[in-house]
C-alpha cells in the first residue's frame, strides 16, 4: 500500500499542474500505528515527500480499538492548513 502511495505522490509532484502549497490529501489509508499513532513507515514516506500528517488523534475507537487511520496531509510549509480536529459521533 505504501509503495502505491509513494508512486502516486511522485507522479503528482513531477506533474506540471501541481502547486504543492495547494495540495491537501485526505482519506483512510489503513496504516494504523501503535497507541493511536500513525504508522512510522507512513510518516517516513510523507517526510520523504515533504509532507506532514495533520491528524493527531484517533479516528477510530472501540469496540474495534482506538487507532488513527485517517489522514489529512499537506506540504510541510503550507499556509493553507494549520490544524485538524477529529469529531466522532456515535453510530
N, C-alpha and C. Protein backbone atom coordinates (compact mmCIF):
# COMPACT_ATOMS: atom_id res chain seq x y z
N UNK A 1 0.82 -1.18 0.00
CA UNK A 1 0.00 0.00 0.00
C UNK A 1 0.87 1.25 0.00
N UNK A 2 1.93 1.27 0.80
CA UNK A 2 2.78 2.45 0.86
C UNK A 2 3.53 2.68 -0.45
N UNK A 3 3.89 1.60 -1.15
CA UNK A 3 4.55 1.75 -2.44
C UNK A 3 3.65 2.47 -3.44
N UNK A 4 2.37 2.10 -3.45
CA UNK A 4 1.42 2.73 -4.36
C UNK A 4 1.23 4.20 -4.01
N UNK A 5 1.15 4.50 -2.72
CA UNK A 5 1.01 5.89 -2.29
C UNK A 5 2.25 6.69 -2.69
N UNK A 6 3.42 6.12 -2.51
CA UNK A 6 4.65 6.79 -2.90
C UNK A 6 4.67 7.07 -4.40
N UNK A 7 4.27 6.08 -5.19
CA UNK A 7 4.21 6.26 -6.64
C UNK A 7 3.25 7.39 -7.01
N UNK A 8 2.11 7.44 -6.35
CA UNK A 8 1.13 8.49 -6.61
C UNK A 8 1.71 9.86 -6.28
N UNK A 9 2.37 9.97 -5.15
CA UNK A 9 2.95 11.24 -4.74
C UNK A 9 4.06 11.67 -5.70
N UNK A 10 4.88 10.73 -6.15
CA UNK A 10 5.92 11.06 -7.12
C UNK A 10 5.32 11.56 -8.43
N UNK A 11 4.28 10.89 -8.88
CA UNK A 11 3.62 11.29 -10.12
C UNK A 11 3.04 12.70 -9.99
N UNK A 12 2.42 12.98 -8.86
CA UNK A 12 1.79 14.28 -8.66
C UNK A 12 2.83 15.40 -8.59
N UNK A 13 3.94 15.15 -7.92
CA UNK A 13 4.93 16.22 -7.75
C UNK A 13 5.72 16.51 -9.01
N UNK A 14 5.83 15.56 -9.91
CA UNK A 14 6.54 15.86 -11.15
C UNK A 14 5.58 16.38 -12.22
N UNK A 15 4.29 16.27 -11.96
CA UNK A 15 3.31 16.79 -12.91
C UNK A 15 3.34 18.32 -12.94
N UNK A 16 3.12 18.91 -14.10
CA UNK A 16 3.25 20.37 -14.23
C UNK A 16 2.14 21.15 -13.55
N UNK A 17 1.03 20.53 -13.20
CA UNK A 17 -0.12 21.26 -12.67
C UNK A 17 -0.23 21.22 -11.15
N UNK A 18 0.76 20.67 -10.46
CA UNK A 18 0.67 20.55 -9.01
C UNK A 18 1.35 21.73 -8.34
N UNK A 19 0.59 22.43 -7.53
CA UNK A 19 1.13 23.50 -6.69
C UNK A 19 1.15 22.93 -5.28
N UNK A 20 2.34 22.63 -4.77
CA UNK A 20 2.42 21.90 -3.51
C UNK A 20 1.81 22.65 -2.33
N UNK A 21 1.72 23.98 -2.39
CA UNK A 21 1.09 24.69 -1.29
C UNK A 21 -0.42 24.56 -1.34
N UNK A 22 -0.96 24.14 -2.46
CA UNK A 22 -2.40 23.97 -2.57
C UNK A 22 -2.82 22.51 -2.46
N UNK A 23 -1.87 21.61 -2.40
CA UNK A 23 -2.19 20.18 -2.30
C UNK A 23 -2.59 19.81 -0.88
N UNK A 24 -3.76 19.22 -0.74
CA UNK A 24 -4.20 18.62 0.53
C UNK A 24 -4.76 17.25 0.18
N UNK A 25 -4.22 16.21 0.80
CA UNK A 25 -4.70 14.86 0.59
C UNK A 25 -5.39 14.37 1.84
N UNK A 26 -6.49 13.68 1.68
CA UNK A 26 -7.19 13.15 2.84
C UNK A 26 -7.82 11.81 2.50
N UNK A 27 -7.97 11.00 3.53
CA UNK A 27 -8.60 9.70 3.33
C UNK A 27 -8.21 8.71 4.40
N UNK A 28 -8.71 7.52 4.24
CA UNK A 28 -8.45 6.41 5.14
C UNK A 28 -7.39 5.54 4.49
N UNK A 29 -6.17 5.57 5.00
CA UNK A 29 -5.08 4.84 4.36
C UNK A 29 -4.83 3.47 4.98
N UNK A 30 -5.56 3.14 6.03
CA UNK A 30 -5.45 1.82 6.66
C UNK A 30 -4.01 1.44 7.00
N UNK A 31 -3.30 2.35 7.60
CA UNK A 31 -1.94 2.11 8.09
C UNK A 31 -1.86 2.49 9.56
N UNK A 32 -2.58 1.76 10.41
CA UNK A 32 -2.59 2.14 11.82
C UNK A 32 -1.24 1.86 12.48
N UNK A 33 -0.86 2.73 13.37
CA UNK A 33 0.33 2.50 14.18
C UNK A 33 -0.10 2.03 15.56
N UNK A 34 0.83 1.92 16.47
CA UNK A 34 0.52 1.52 17.83
C UNK A 34 0.10 2.72 18.66
N UNK A 35 -0.73 2.48 19.66
CA UNK A 35 -1.11 3.51 20.64
C UNK A 35 -1.66 4.78 20.00
N UNK A 36 -2.55 4.64 19.05
CA UNK A 36 -3.24 5.76 18.42
C UNK A 36 -2.31 6.67 17.62
N UNK A 37 -1.18 6.18 17.19
CA UNK A 37 -0.25 6.95 16.39
C UNK A 37 -0.30 6.49 14.94
N UNK A 38 0.19 7.32 14.06
CA UNK A 38 0.29 6.96 12.66
C UNK A 38 1.44 5.98 12.49
N UNK A 39 1.28 5.05 11.58
CA UNK A 39 2.33 4.09 11.27
C UNK A 39 3.64 4.82 10.97
N UNK A 40 4.73 4.43 11.61
CA UNK A 40 6.02 5.10 11.39
C UNK A 40 6.49 5.04 9.93
N UNK A 41 6.17 3.97 9.23
CA UNK A 41 6.56 3.86 7.81
C UNK A 41 5.81 4.89 6.97
N UNK A 42 4.54 5.12 7.31
CA UNK A 42 3.77 6.14 6.60
C UNK A 42 4.35 7.53 6.87
N UNK A 43 4.68 7.81 8.12
CA UNK A 43 5.28 9.11 8.44
C UNK A 43 6.60 9.31 7.72
N UNK A 44 7.40 8.26 7.62
CA UNK A 44 8.67 8.33 6.90
C UNK A 44 8.43 8.63 5.43
N UNK A 45 7.44 7.96 4.84
CA UNK A 45 7.11 8.19 3.44
C UNK A 45 6.68 9.64 3.22
N UNK A 46 5.82 10.14 4.09
CA UNK A 46 5.36 11.52 3.96
C UNK A 46 6.54 12.49 4.08
N UNK A 47 7.43 12.22 5.02
CA UNK A 47 8.60 13.06 5.23
C UNK A 47 9.48 13.09 3.97
N UNK A 48 9.64 11.94 3.33
CA UNK A 48 10.45 11.87 2.10
C UNK A 48 9.88 12.78 1.02
N UNK A 49 8.57 12.99 1.04
CA UNK A 49 7.91 13.80 0.02
C UNK A 49 7.65 15.23 0.50
N UNK A 50 8.17 15.57 1.68
CA UNK A 50 7.99 16.92 2.21
C UNK A 50 6.58 17.19 2.69
N UNK A 51 5.88 16.12 3.09
CA UNK A 51 4.50 16.26 3.54
C UNK A 51 4.39 16.04 5.04
N UNK A 52 3.30 16.55 5.60
CA UNK A 52 3.02 16.41 7.03
C UNK A 52 1.62 15.86 7.22
N UNK A 53 1.46 14.99 8.23
CA UNK A 53 0.16 14.47 8.63
C UNK A 53 -0.41 15.43 9.68
N UNK A 54 -1.61 15.95 9.44
CA UNK A 54 -2.20 16.93 10.34
C UNK A 54 -3.17 16.33 11.34
N UNK A 55 -3.61 15.09 11.16
CA UNK A 55 -4.47 14.43 12.13
C UNK A 55 -3.58 13.87 13.24
N UNK A 56 -3.89 14.22 14.48
CA UNK A 56 -3.02 13.81 15.59
C UNK A 56 -3.74 13.00 16.66
N UNK A 57 -5.03 12.72 16.47
CA UNK A 57 -5.77 11.92 17.44
C UNK A 57 -6.45 10.75 16.74
N UNK A 58 -6.87 9.78 17.52
CA UNK A 58 -7.50 8.58 16.96
C UNK A 58 -8.75 8.94 16.15
N UNK A 59 -8.93 8.23 15.05
CA UNK A 59 -10.11 8.43 14.21
C UNK A 59 -11.02 7.21 14.23
N UNK A 60 -10.63 6.21 14.95
CA UNK A 60 -11.45 5.00 15.16
C UNK A 60 -11.34 4.65 16.63
N UNK A 61 -12.44 4.23 17.21
CA UNK A 61 -12.43 3.92 18.64
C UNK A 61 -13.06 2.56 18.90
N UNK A 62 -13.01 2.09 20.16
CA UNK A 62 -13.58 0.78 20.49
C UNK A 62 -15.03 0.70 20.02
N UNK A 63 -15.53 -0.49 19.71
CA UNK A 63 -15.00 -1.81 20.06
C UNK A 63 -13.94 -2.33 19.11
N UNK A 64 -13.68 -1.64 17.99
CA UNK A 64 -12.65 -2.13 17.06
C UNK A 64 -11.26 -1.73 17.52
N UNK A 65 -11.16 -0.93 18.55
CA UNK A 65 -9.86 -0.47 19.05
C UNK A 65 -9.55 0.92 18.55
N UNK A 66 -9.01 1.74 19.41
CA UNK A 66 -8.64 3.09 19.01
C UNK A 66 -7.44 3.05 18.08
N UNK A 67 -7.56 3.75 17.00
CA UNK A 67 -6.44 3.84 16.06
C UNK A 67 -6.60 5.07 15.19
N UNK A 68 -5.51 5.49 14.62
CA UNK A 68 -5.51 6.64 13.75
C UNK A 68 -5.33 6.12 12.32
N UNK A 69 -6.43 6.04 11.60
CA UNK A 69 -6.40 5.50 10.24
C UNK A 69 -6.53 6.58 9.17
N UNK A 70 -7.16 7.67 9.52
CA UNK A 70 -7.46 8.71 8.54
C UNK A 70 -6.36 9.76 8.51
N UNK A 71 -6.07 10.25 7.34
CA UNK A 71 -5.01 11.24 7.20
C UNK A 71 -5.53 12.49 6.51
N UNK A 72 -4.94 13.59 6.89
CA UNK A 72 -5.04 14.84 6.16
C UNK A 72 -3.59 15.28 6.02
N UNK A 73 -3.10 15.26 4.78
CA UNK A 73 -1.69 15.55 4.55
C UNK A 73 -1.55 16.76 3.63
N UNK A 74 -0.50 17.50 3.88
CA UNK A 74 -0.20 18.67 3.04
C UNK A 74 1.30 18.93 3.13
N UNK A 75 1.77 19.81 2.29
CA UNK A 75 3.16 20.21 2.30
C UNK A 75 3.54 20.74 3.67
N UNK A 76 4.72 20.42 4.13
CA UNK A 76 5.18 20.86 5.47
C UNK A 76 5.20 22.37 5.62
N UNK A 77 5.33 23.09 4.52
CA UNK A 77 5.42 24.54 4.60
C UNK A 77 4.11 25.24 4.22
N UNK A 78 3.03 24.50 4.10
CA UNK A 78 1.77 25.10 3.67
C UNK A 78 1.26 26.15 4.64
N UNK A 79 0.66 27.15 4.10
CA UNK A 79 -0.04 28.17 4.89
C UNK A 79 -1.55 27.94 4.82
N UNK A 80 -1.97 26.98 4.03
CA UNK A 80 -3.38 26.74 3.79
C UNK A 80 -4.05 25.90 4.86
N UNK A 81 -3.27 25.16 5.62
CA UNK A 81 -3.82 24.23 6.60
C UNK A 81 -2.97 24.32 7.86
N UNK A 82 -3.62 24.56 8.98
CA UNK A 82 -2.87 24.71 10.23
C UNK A 82 -3.23 23.66 11.26
N UNK A 83 -4.49 23.24 11.30
CA UNK A 83 -4.94 22.34 12.36
C UNK A 83 -6.13 21.53 11.87
N UNK A 84 -6.22 20.30 12.33
CA UNK A 84 -7.34 19.43 12.01
C UNK A 84 -7.93 18.94 13.32
N UNK A 85 -9.24 18.97 13.44
CA UNK A 85 -9.93 18.48 14.63
C UNK A 85 -10.74 17.25 14.26
N UNK A 86 -10.64 16.20 15.10
CA UNK A 86 -11.40 14.98 14.88
C UNK A 86 -12.65 15.03 15.74
N UNK A 87 -13.81 14.82 15.11
CA UNK A 87 -15.08 14.80 15.83
C UNK A 87 -15.79 13.51 15.46
N UNK A 88 -15.93 12.60 16.43
CA UNK A 88 -16.59 11.32 16.17
C UNK A 88 -18.00 11.35 16.77
N UNK A 89 -18.92 10.71 16.05
CA UNK A 89 -20.28 10.60 16.54
C UNK A 89 -20.58 9.14 16.83
N UNK A 90 -21.56 8.90 17.65
CA UNK A 90 -22.00 7.54 17.94
C UNK A 90 -22.83 7.03 16.78
N UNK A 91 -22.52 5.81 16.34
CA UNK A 91 -23.27 5.21 15.23
C UNK A 91 -24.41 4.39 15.75
